[in-house]
N, C-alpha and C. Protein backbone atom coordinates (compact mmCIF):
# COMPACT_ATOMS: atom_id res chain seq x y z
N MET A 1 -69.00 58.02 198.04
CA MET A 1 -68.97 56.69 198.62
C MET A 1 -67.53 56.29 198.92
N ASN A 2 -66.61 56.67 198.06
CA ASN A 2 -65.21 56.34 198.24
C ASN A 2 -64.65 57.00 199.50
N SER A 3 -65.06 58.26 199.76
CA SER A 3 -64.58 58.96 200.96
C SER A 3 -65.16 58.33 202.23
N LYS A 4 -66.41 57.81 202.16
CA LYS A 4 -67.01 57.12 203.30
C LYS A 4 -66.22 55.85 203.61
N ARG A 5 -65.85 55.13 202.57
CA ARG A 5 -65.08 53.90 202.74
C ARG A 5 -63.71 54.22 203.35
N SER A 6 -63.07 55.30 202.88
CA SER A 6 -61.77 55.71 203.42
C SER A 6 -61.89 56.12 204.88
N MET A 7 -62.94 56.87 205.20
CA MET A 7 -63.16 57.31 206.58
C MET A 7 -63.41 56.10 207.48
N GLY A 8 -64.17 55.14 206.99
CA GLY A 8 -64.42 53.91 207.75
C GLY A 8 -63.13 53.14 207.99
N SER A 9 -62.27 53.10 207.00
CA SER A 9 -60.97 52.42 207.14
C SER A 9 -60.11 53.10 208.18
N VAL A 10 -60.11 54.43 208.17
CA VAL A 10 -59.33 55.20 209.14
C VAL A 10 -59.85 54.94 210.56
N ILE A 11 -61.17 54.95 210.72
CA ILE A 11 -61.76 54.71 212.04
C ILE A 11 -61.43 53.29 212.51
N LEU A 12 -61.55 52.31 211.63
CA LEU A 12 -61.24 50.92 211.97
C LEU A 12 -59.77 50.78 212.37
N LEU A 13 -58.89 51.39 211.61
CA LEU A 13 -57.46 51.35 211.92
C LEU A 13 -57.19 51.99 213.28
N GLY A 14 -57.81 53.10 213.56
CA GLY A 14 -57.66 53.78 214.85
C GLY A 14 -58.12 52.91 216.00
N MET A 15 -59.26 52.22 215.81
CA MET A 15 -59.77 51.33 216.86
C MET A 15 -58.80 50.17 217.10
N LEU A 16 -58.26 49.62 216.02
CA LEU A 16 -57.31 48.51 216.16
C LEU A 16 -56.06 48.96 216.91
N MET A 17 -55.54 50.14 216.56
CA MET A 17 -54.34 50.66 217.24
C MET A 17 -54.63 50.92 218.71
N PHE A 18 -55.83 51.42 219.03
CA PHE A 18 -56.22 51.67 220.42
C PHE A 18 -56.28 50.35 221.19
N ASN A 19 -56.87 49.32 220.57
CA ASN A 19 -56.96 48.01 221.23
C ASN A 19 -55.57 47.41 221.46
N VAL A 20 -54.66 47.55 220.50
CA VAL A 20 -53.29 47.06 220.66
C VAL A 20 -52.62 47.80 221.81
N ALA A 21 -52.80 49.11 221.87
CA ALA A 21 -52.20 49.91 222.95
C ALA A 21 -52.75 49.47 224.30
N LEU A 22 -54.06 49.22 224.38
CA LEU A 22 -54.65 48.74 225.63
C LEU A 22 -54.09 47.38 226.01
N ALA A 23 -53.96 46.48 225.05
CA ALA A 23 -53.44 45.15 225.32
C ALA A 23 -52.00 45.24 225.83
N GLN A 24 -51.19 46.12 225.23
CA GLN A 24 -49.81 46.27 225.66
C GLN A 24 -49.74 46.89 227.06
N LYS A 25 -50.68 47.78 227.36
CA LYS A 25 -50.72 48.41 228.68
C LYS A 25 -51.01 47.38 229.76
N ASP A 26 -51.74 46.32 229.41
CA ASP A 26 -52.09 45.28 230.36
C ASP A 26 -50.98 44.25 230.53
N MET A 27 -49.88 44.40 229.80
CA MET A 27 -48.78 43.45 229.87
C MET A 27 -47.68 44.01 230.76
N GLY A 28 -46.88 43.10 231.29
CA GLY A 28 -45.67 43.48 232.01
C GLY A 28 -44.49 42.96 231.21
N TYR A 29 -43.29 43.22 231.69
CA TYR A 29 -42.10 42.85 230.91
C TYR A 29 -41.06 42.19 231.79
N LEU A 30 -40.32 41.30 231.16
CA LEU A 30 -39.20 40.61 231.81
C LEU A 30 -37.94 40.93 231.03
N LYS A 31 -36.92 41.35 231.74
CA LYS A 31 -35.62 41.60 231.14
C LYS A 31 -34.61 40.78 231.94
N VAL A 32 -33.83 39.96 231.24
CA VAL A 32 -32.86 39.09 231.91
C VAL A 32 -31.45 39.53 231.55
N ASP A 33 -30.66 39.80 232.57
CA ASP A 33 -29.24 40.12 232.40
C ASP A 33 -28.48 38.88 232.86
N ALA A 34 -28.12 38.02 231.91
CA ALA A 34 -27.43 36.77 232.24
C ALA A 34 -26.03 36.78 231.65
N ASP A 35 -25.13 36.15 232.36
CA ASP A 35 -23.77 35.95 231.86
C ASP A 35 -23.54 34.45 231.82
N PRO A 36 -23.45 33.86 230.62
CA PRO A 36 -23.34 34.45 229.30
C PRO A 36 -24.69 34.89 228.73
N GLY A 37 -24.67 35.86 227.82
CA GLY A 37 -25.89 36.43 227.24
C GLY A 37 -26.65 35.47 226.35
N ARG A 38 -25.99 34.44 225.83
CA ARG A 38 -26.68 33.47 224.96
C ARG A 38 -27.58 32.51 225.75
N THR A 39 -27.58 32.64 227.08
CA THR A 39 -28.40 31.81 227.94
C THR A 39 -29.86 31.86 227.49
N GLY A 40 -30.50 30.70 227.41
CA GLY A 40 -31.90 30.62 227.00
C GLY A 40 -32.83 31.00 228.14
N VAL A 41 -33.89 31.74 227.81
CA VAL A 41 -34.88 32.18 228.79
C VAL A 41 -36.15 31.35 228.60
N PHE A 42 -36.60 30.72 229.68
CA PHE A 42 -37.82 29.93 229.70
C PHE A 42 -38.73 30.52 230.76
N VAL A 43 -39.99 30.76 230.41
CA VAL A 43 -40.97 31.25 231.38
C VAL A 43 -42.10 30.24 231.42
N ASP A 44 -42.36 29.72 232.62
CA ASP A 44 -43.39 28.68 232.80
C ASP A 44 -43.15 27.54 231.82
N ASP A 45 -41.89 27.14 231.68
CA ASP A 45 -41.43 26.04 230.81
C ASP A 45 -41.60 26.30 229.32
N LYS A 46 -41.87 27.53 228.91
CA LYS A 46 -41.97 27.87 227.49
C LYS A 46 -40.71 28.65 227.10
N TYR A 47 -40.04 28.17 226.05
CA TYR A 47 -38.84 28.84 225.55
C TYR A 47 -39.21 30.17 224.90
N LEU A 48 -38.55 31.27 225.33
CA LEU A 48 -38.81 32.59 224.75
C LEU A 48 -37.70 33.04 223.81
N GLY A 49 -36.46 32.66 224.09
CA GLY A 49 -35.32 33.11 223.30
C GLY A 49 -34.13 33.35 224.20
N PRO A 50 -33.08 33.96 223.66
CA PRO A 50 -31.88 34.21 224.46
C PRO A 50 -32.05 35.42 225.38
N ALA A 51 -31.23 35.47 226.42
CA ALA A 51 -31.26 36.61 227.33
C ALA A 51 -30.81 37.89 226.63
N ALA A 52 -29.86 37.76 225.70
CA ALA A 52 -29.32 38.95 225.03
C ALA A 52 -29.05 38.66 223.56
N ASN A 53 -28.97 39.73 222.80
CA ASN A 53 -28.58 39.66 221.40
C ASN A 53 -27.51 40.73 221.19
N PHE A 54 -26.33 40.32 220.76
CA PHE A 54 -25.20 41.24 220.61
C PHE A 54 -24.98 42.06 221.89
N ARG A 55 -25.02 41.35 223.02
CA ARG A 55 -24.76 41.91 224.35
C ARG A 55 -25.81 42.91 224.84
N VAL A 56 -26.92 43.01 224.14
CA VAL A 56 -28.03 43.87 224.57
C VAL A 56 -29.13 42.97 225.10
N ASP A 57 -29.52 43.19 226.37
CA ASP A 57 -30.56 42.37 226.98
C ASP A 57 -31.86 42.51 226.21
N ARG A 58 -32.53 41.37 226.00
CA ARG A 58 -33.82 41.39 225.32
C ARG A 58 -34.92 41.56 226.36
N LYS A 59 -36.06 42.09 225.91
CA LYS A 59 -37.20 42.35 226.79
C LYS A 59 -38.37 41.53 226.28
N TYR A 60 -38.97 40.74 227.16
CA TYR A 60 -40.09 39.88 226.79
C TYR A 60 -41.36 40.33 227.50
N SER A 61 -42.48 40.43 226.76
CA SER A 61 -43.75 40.82 227.37
C SER A 61 -44.45 39.58 227.92
N LEU A 62 -45.01 39.74 229.12
CA LEU A 62 -45.69 38.65 229.82
C LEU A 62 -46.97 39.17 230.46
N ALA A 63 -47.89 38.26 230.66
CA ALA A 63 -49.11 38.60 231.39
C ALA A 63 -48.74 38.87 232.85
N PRO A 64 -49.43 39.81 233.48
CA PRO A 64 -49.16 40.07 234.90
C PRO A 64 -49.40 38.82 235.74
N GLY A 65 -48.66 38.71 236.83
CA GLY A 65 -48.81 37.58 237.75
C GLY A 65 -47.47 36.92 238.03
N GLN A 66 -47.56 35.82 238.76
CA GLN A 66 -46.36 35.10 239.16
C GLN A 66 -45.96 34.11 238.07
N HIS A 67 -44.66 34.08 237.75
CA HIS A 67 -44.12 33.21 236.71
C HIS A 67 -42.83 32.56 237.19
N THR A 68 -42.58 31.35 236.71
CA THR A 68 -41.31 30.67 236.97
C THR A 68 -40.39 30.94 235.80
N VAL A 69 -39.20 31.46 236.09
CA VAL A 69 -38.20 31.76 235.07
C VAL A 69 -37.05 30.77 235.24
N ARG A 70 -36.70 30.11 234.13
CA ARG A 70 -35.54 29.21 234.13
C ARG A 70 -34.56 29.70 233.09
N LEU A 71 -33.30 29.80 233.50
CA LEU A 71 -32.23 30.17 232.59
C LEU A 71 -31.42 28.92 232.32
N SER A 72 -31.16 28.64 231.05
CA SER A 72 -30.49 27.40 230.68
C SER A 72 -29.46 27.66 229.59
N GLU A 73 -28.28 27.08 229.78
CA GLU A 73 -27.19 27.15 228.81
C GLU A 73 -26.43 25.83 228.96
N PRO A 74 -26.12 25.14 227.87
CA PRO A 74 -25.60 23.76 228.00
C PRO A 74 -24.29 23.61 228.76
N ARG A 75 -23.49 24.63 228.85
CA ARG A 75 -22.20 24.53 229.54
C ARG A 75 -22.27 25.04 230.98
N TYR A 76 -23.49 25.33 231.46
CA TYR A 76 -23.69 25.90 232.79
C TYR A 76 -24.87 25.21 233.49
N LYS A 77 -24.90 25.32 234.84
CA LYS A 77 -26.03 24.80 235.60
C LYS A 77 -27.26 25.66 235.33
N ASP A 78 -28.42 25.02 235.23
CA ASP A 78 -29.67 25.77 235.09
C ASP A 78 -29.90 26.60 236.35
N PHE A 79 -30.56 27.74 236.17
CA PHE A 79 -30.95 28.61 237.29
C PHE A 79 -32.45 28.84 237.19
N THR A 80 -33.16 28.70 238.30
CA THR A 80 -34.61 28.89 238.31
C THR A 80 -34.98 29.86 239.43
N THR A 81 -35.91 30.76 239.13
CA THR A 81 -36.42 31.70 240.12
C THR A 81 -37.89 31.99 239.81
N THR A 82 -38.56 32.61 240.75
CA THR A 82 -39.95 33.02 240.56
C THR A 82 -40.00 34.55 240.56
N VAL A 83 -40.76 35.10 239.62
CA VAL A 83 -40.90 36.56 239.54
C VAL A 83 -42.37 36.93 239.55
N ASN A 84 -42.64 38.15 239.96
CA ASN A 84 -44.00 38.69 239.90
C ASN A 84 -44.00 39.81 238.87
N ILE A 85 -44.73 39.61 237.79
CA ILE A 85 -44.80 40.59 236.71
C ILE A 85 -45.99 41.52 236.97
N GLU A 86 -45.74 42.83 236.90
CA GLU A 86 -46.80 43.82 237.08
C GLU A 86 -47.07 44.53 235.76
N ALA A 87 -48.33 44.80 235.48
CA ALA A 87 -48.72 45.47 234.24
C ALA A 87 -47.99 46.80 234.10
N GLY A 88 -47.43 47.03 232.89
CA GLY A 88 -46.76 48.28 232.59
C GLY A 88 -45.38 48.44 233.19
N LYS A 89 -44.90 47.44 233.93
CA LYS A 89 -43.58 47.54 234.57
C LYS A 89 -42.65 46.46 234.04
N THR A 90 -41.35 46.71 234.19
CA THR A 90 -40.34 45.75 233.78
C THR A 90 -39.70 45.12 235.02
N THR A 91 -39.72 43.81 235.07
CA THR A 91 -39.06 43.06 236.14
C THR A 91 -37.73 42.56 235.60
N LYS A 92 -36.66 42.76 236.37
CA LYS A 92 -35.33 42.36 235.92
C LYS A 92 -34.81 41.19 236.74
N VAL A 93 -34.16 40.27 236.04
CA VAL A 93 -33.48 39.14 236.67
C VAL A 93 -32.02 39.23 236.23
N LYS A 94 -31.11 39.22 237.20
CA LYS A 94 -29.68 39.27 236.88
C LYS A 94 -29.04 38.01 237.45
N GLN A 95 -28.27 37.30 236.59
CA GLN A 95 -27.67 36.05 237.04
C GLN A 95 -26.38 35.76 236.29
N VAL A 96 -25.32 35.45 237.04
CA VAL A 96 -24.09 34.91 236.46
C VAL A 96 -24.22 33.39 236.57
N MET A 97 -24.21 32.72 235.44
CA MET A 97 -24.42 31.27 235.41
C MET A 97 -23.18 30.55 235.95
N GLU A 98 -23.41 29.42 236.62
CA GLU A 98 -22.33 28.63 237.21
C GLU A 98 -21.87 27.57 236.21
N LYS A 99 -20.56 27.60 235.87
CA LYS A 99 -20.01 26.68 234.88
C LYS A 99 -20.06 25.24 235.35
N LEU A 100 -20.30 24.34 234.39
CA LEU A 100 -20.20 22.90 234.62
C LEU A 100 -18.80 22.44 234.25
N PRO A 101 -18.34 21.30 234.81
CA PRO A 101 -17.03 20.80 234.42
C PRO A 101 -17.01 20.42 232.93
N ILE A 102 -15.84 20.58 232.31
CA ILE A 102 -15.70 20.25 230.89
C ILE A 102 -15.53 18.74 230.74
N PRO A 103 -16.39 18.10 229.92
CA PRO A 103 -16.25 16.66 229.72
C PRO A 103 -14.98 16.33 228.94
N GLU A 104 -14.49 15.13 229.12
CA GLU A 104 -13.28 14.68 228.43
C GLU A 104 -13.59 14.28 227.00
N PRO A 105 -12.65 14.57 226.04
CA PRO A 105 -12.83 14.12 224.66
C PRO A 105 -12.66 12.61 224.58
N PRO A 106 -13.00 11.96 223.49
CA PRO A 106 -13.27 12.49 222.16
C PRO A 106 -14.72 12.95 222.00
N TYR A 107 -14.92 13.79 220.98
CA TYR A 107 -16.23 14.35 220.69
C TYR A 107 -16.55 14.19 219.21
N GLY A 108 -17.83 14.36 218.93
CA GLY A 108 -18.29 14.60 217.57
C GLY A 108 -18.87 16.01 217.54
N MET A 109 -19.08 16.55 216.37
CA MET A 109 -19.58 17.93 216.23
C MET A 109 -20.96 17.93 215.58
N LEU A 110 -21.93 18.60 216.22
CA LEU A 110 -23.25 18.80 215.63
C LEU A 110 -23.31 20.20 215.05
N LYS A 111 -23.70 20.28 213.78
CA LYS A 111 -23.91 21.55 213.10
C LYS A 111 -25.34 21.55 212.57
N ILE A 112 -25.98 22.70 212.61
CA ILE A 112 -27.35 22.83 212.12
C ILE A 112 -27.40 24.00 211.16
N MET A 113 -27.86 23.75 209.96
CA MET A 113 -28.05 24.80 208.96
C MET A 113 -29.48 25.31 209.15
N LYS A 114 -29.62 26.56 209.59
CA LYS A 114 -30.92 27.07 210.02
C LYS A 114 -31.89 27.39 208.89
N GLY A 115 -31.42 27.44 207.66
CA GLY A 115 -32.32 27.81 206.56
C GLY A 115 -32.89 29.19 206.79
N ASN A 116 -34.20 29.35 206.65
CA ASN A 116 -34.82 30.67 206.81
C ASN A 116 -35.41 30.87 208.20
N HIS A 117 -35.01 30.06 209.16
CA HIS A 117 -35.53 30.19 210.53
C HIS A 117 -34.73 31.22 211.32
N SER A 118 -35.36 31.78 212.34
CA SER A 118 -34.72 32.77 213.20
C SER A 118 -33.48 32.18 213.87
N LYS A 119 -32.46 33.01 214.03
CA LYS A 119 -31.26 32.55 214.72
C LYS A 119 -31.54 32.27 216.19
N PHE A 120 -32.68 32.73 216.70
CA PHE A 120 -33.05 32.50 218.09
C PHE A 120 -33.85 31.20 218.29
N THR A 121 -34.04 30.44 217.22
CA THR A 121 -34.74 29.16 217.32
C THR A 121 -33.95 28.25 218.24
N GLY A 122 -34.63 27.60 219.18
CA GLY A 122 -33.97 26.80 220.20
C GLY A 122 -33.64 25.39 219.73
N VAL A 123 -32.50 24.88 220.21
CA VAL A 123 -32.06 23.53 219.90
C VAL A 123 -32.11 22.72 221.20
N PHE A 124 -32.77 21.56 221.12
CA PHE A 124 -32.90 20.68 222.28
C PHE A 124 -32.39 19.30 221.91
N LEU A 125 -31.59 18.71 222.79
CA LEU A 125 -31.15 17.32 222.63
C LEU A 125 -31.64 16.55 223.84
N ASN A 126 -32.38 15.46 223.57
CA ASN A 126 -32.98 14.67 224.65
C ASN A 126 -33.72 15.57 225.64
N ASP A 127 -34.47 16.54 225.09
CA ASP A 127 -35.30 17.48 225.85
C ASP A 127 -34.50 18.45 226.72
N HIS A 128 -33.20 18.57 226.49
CA HIS A 128 -32.38 19.54 227.24
C HIS A 128 -31.96 20.66 226.28
N PHE A 129 -32.18 21.90 226.70
CA PHE A 129 -31.84 23.06 225.89
C PHE A 129 -30.34 23.08 225.63
N MET A 130 -29.96 23.24 224.35
CA MET A 130 -28.55 23.21 223.97
C MET A 130 -28.09 24.49 223.28
N GLY A 131 -28.93 25.48 223.18
CA GLY A 131 -28.54 26.74 222.56
C GLY A 131 -29.48 27.14 221.45
N HIS A 132 -29.01 28.05 220.60
CA HIS A 132 -29.81 28.62 219.52
C HIS A 132 -29.19 28.22 218.19
N VAL A 133 -30.01 28.04 217.15
CA VAL A 133 -29.46 27.60 215.86
C VAL A 133 -28.40 28.55 215.33
N GLY A 134 -28.45 29.81 215.71
CA GLY A 134 -27.42 30.75 215.29
C GLY A 134 -26.03 30.37 215.79
N GLU A 135 -25.98 29.55 216.85
CA GLU A 135 -24.69 29.09 217.39
C GLU A 135 -24.18 27.84 216.65
N TYR A 136 -24.97 27.30 215.76
CA TYR A 136 -24.64 26.06 215.06
C TYR A 136 -24.46 26.26 213.56
N ASP A 137 -24.80 27.44 213.06
CA ASP A 137 -24.98 27.65 211.63
C ASP A 137 -23.86 28.44 210.96
N ASN A 138 -22.62 28.02 211.14
CA ASN A 138 -21.54 28.59 210.34
C ASN A 138 -20.34 27.65 210.41
N SER A 139 -19.29 27.97 209.70
CA SER A 139 -18.18 27.03 209.56
C SER A 139 -17.37 26.84 210.84
N VAL A 140 -17.42 27.77 211.78
CA VAL A 140 -16.60 27.65 212.98
C VAL A 140 -17.38 27.31 214.24
N GLN A 141 -18.70 27.30 214.17
CA GLN A 141 -19.49 26.99 215.36
C GLN A 141 -20.19 25.66 215.21
N GLY A 142 -20.56 25.11 216.36
CA GLY A 142 -21.28 23.86 216.44
C GLY A 142 -21.26 23.43 217.90
N GLN A 143 -21.76 22.25 218.18
CA GLN A 143 -21.78 21.74 219.55
C GLN A 143 -20.97 20.46 219.61
N LEU A 144 -19.95 20.43 220.47
CA LEU A 144 -19.19 19.21 220.68
C LEU A 144 -19.99 18.30 221.59
N LEU A 145 -20.17 17.05 221.17
CA LEU A 145 -20.98 16.10 221.93
C LEU A 145 -20.26 14.76 222.01
N LYS A 146 -20.51 14.05 223.09
CA LYS A 146 -20.03 12.68 223.21
C LYS A 146 -20.75 11.83 222.16
N ALA A 147 -20.05 10.80 221.67
CA ALA A 147 -20.66 9.90 220.69
C ALA A 147 -21.91 9.26 221.29
N GLY A 148 -22.92 9.06 220.44
CA GLY A 148 -24.15 8.43 220.89
C GLY A 148 -25.33 8.89 220.07
N ASP A 149 -26.49 8.35 220.42
CA ASP A 149 -27.74 8.70 219.76
C ASP A 149 -28.47 9.75 220.60
N TYR A 150 -29.04 10.73 219.91
CA TYR A 150 -29.74 11.83 220.56
C TYR A 150 -31.05 12.09 219.83
N GLN A 151 -32.05 12.56 220.58
CA GLN A 151 -33.29 13.03 219.98
C GLN A 151 -33.17 14.54 219.84
N LEU A 152 -33.11 15.02 218.59
CA LEU A 152 -32.98 16.44 218.29
C LEU A 152 -34.36 17.04 218.09
N LYS A 153 -34.61 18.18 218.75
CA LYS A 153 -35.85 18.92 218.53
C LYS A 153 -35.47 20.38 218.38
N VAL A 154 -36.03 21.03 217.37
CA VAL A 154 -35.78 22.45 217.11
C VAL A 154 -37.11 23.18 217.27
N VAL A 155 -37.11 24.21 218.15
CA VAL A 155 -38.35 24.89 218.54
C VAL A 155 -38.22 26.39 218.28
N SER A 156 -39.21 26.95 217.59
CA SER A 156 -39.22 28.39 217.31
C SER A 156 -39.45 29.17 218.60
N PRO A 157 -39.08 30.45 218.64
CA PRO A 157 -39.36 31.27 219.82
C PRO A 157 -40.86 31.38 220.12
N GLU A 158 -41.70 31.07 219.14
CA GLU A 158 -43.15 31.07 219.37
C GLU A 158 -43.63 29.77 219.97
N GLY A 159 -42.72 28.80 220.17
CA GLY A 159 -43.08 27.53 220.81
C GLY A 159 -43.45 26.40 219.88
N GLN A 160 -43.31 26.59 218.58
CA GLN A 160 -43.66 25.54 217.62
C GLN A 160 -42.46 24.65 217.34
N THR A 161 -42.68 23.33 217.38
CA THR A 161 -41.63 22.40 216.98
C THR A 161 -41.54 22.44 215.46
N ILE A 162 -40.37 22.82 214.93
CA ILE A 162 -40.23 22.93 213.48
C ILE A 162 -39.41 21.80 212.88
N HIS A 163 -38.73 21.04 213.76
CA HIS A 163 -37.94 19.91 213.26
C HIS A 163 -37.70 18.95 214.42
N GLU A 164 -37.80 17.66 214.12
CA GLU A 164 -37.53 16.65 215.13
C GLU A 164 -37.01 15.40 214.44
N GLU A 165 -35.90 14.85 214.95
CA GLU A 165 -35.35 13.61 214.40
C GLU A 165 -34.36 13.01 215.36
N LYS A 166 -34.10 11.72 215.19
CA LYS A 166 -33.07 11.03 215.95
C LYS A 166 -31.77 11.19 215.18
N ILE A 167 -30.70 11.61 215.88
CA ILE A 167 -29.40 11.77 215.22
C ILE A 167 -28.38 10.89 215.93
N SER A 168 -27.32 10.56 215.21
CA SER A 168 -26.24 9.76 215.76
C SER A 168 -24.95 10.57 215.64
N ILE A 169 -24.30 10.80 216.77
CA ILE A 169 -23.03 11.53 216.81
C ILE A 169 -21.91 10.50 216.90
N LYS A 170 -20.91 10.66 216.06
CA LYS A 170 -19.76 9.77 216.05
C LYS A 170 -18.51 10.57 216.41
N ASP A 171 -17.56 9.93 217.14
CA ASP A 171 -16.32 10.58 217.52
C ASP A 171 -15.58 11.13 216.32
N ASN A 172 -15.07 12.36 216.48
CA ASN A 172 -14.22 13.02 215.48
C ASN A 172 -14.89 13.19 214.12
N GLN A 173 -16.23 13.26 214.10
CA GLN A 173 -16.96 13.48 212.85
C GLN A 173 -17.97 14.59 213.04
N ASN A 174 -18.29 15.28 211.95
CA ASN A 174 -19.35 16.29 211.95
C ASN A 174 -20.68 15.65 211.55
N THR A 175 -21.73 15.99 212.27
CA THR A 175 -23.09 15.61 211.89
C THR A 175 -23.79 16.91 211.52
N VAL A 176 -24.30 17.01 210.31
CA VAL A 176 -24.94 18.24 209.84
C VAL A 176 -26.43 17.98 209.63
N VAL A 177 -27.26 18.82 210.23
CA VAL A 177 -28.71 18.74 210.05
C VAL A 177 -29.13 20.01 209.33
N LYS A 178 -29.89 19.85 208.23
CA LYS A 178 -30.38 21.00 207.48
C LYS A 178 -31.86 21.18 207.75
N LEU A 179 -32.23 22.36 208.26
CA LEU A 179 -33.63 22.67 208.51
C LEU A 179 -34.28 23.16 207.23
N LYS A 180 -35.53 22.80 207.05
CA LYS A 180 -36.28 23.23 205.85
C LYS A 180 -36.90 24.57 206.08
């Protein structure tokens, strides 16, 4: 009886692996080569993550068909294009982002302690993408912002809002938000 149970487990595992392989075969892929690489990738208005990690372009699986791709980085103009994803193939988007003018100081600094969340978790202020928590979570990084009130939202690469609050930035001061 034990060998029958083991054989059944092996068959079930094989069927699951076959189904996963079929599902992956029905997917297409998007690879974005953006400068700067920390540029956020959005497909059909859903945040997926950064274009690159340690200068290596990331590859995202998507359902076949037409999709709107938006590249966003807070110090650059957003770029939007439409792509057609084909099953089993990789579609590439290459873009050098156009810099925005540097605002005049004074500034306050926003820092976010990411806790156990992915460094690719997205940071949004007033619904505008501002980068990844990995860019905010150490002693030398953060986001310089004009003084004022902002609505902070932190979104996982899976699209779940994991933190939301109103924050106040003051000139020449650090504002630190700790994620749970």
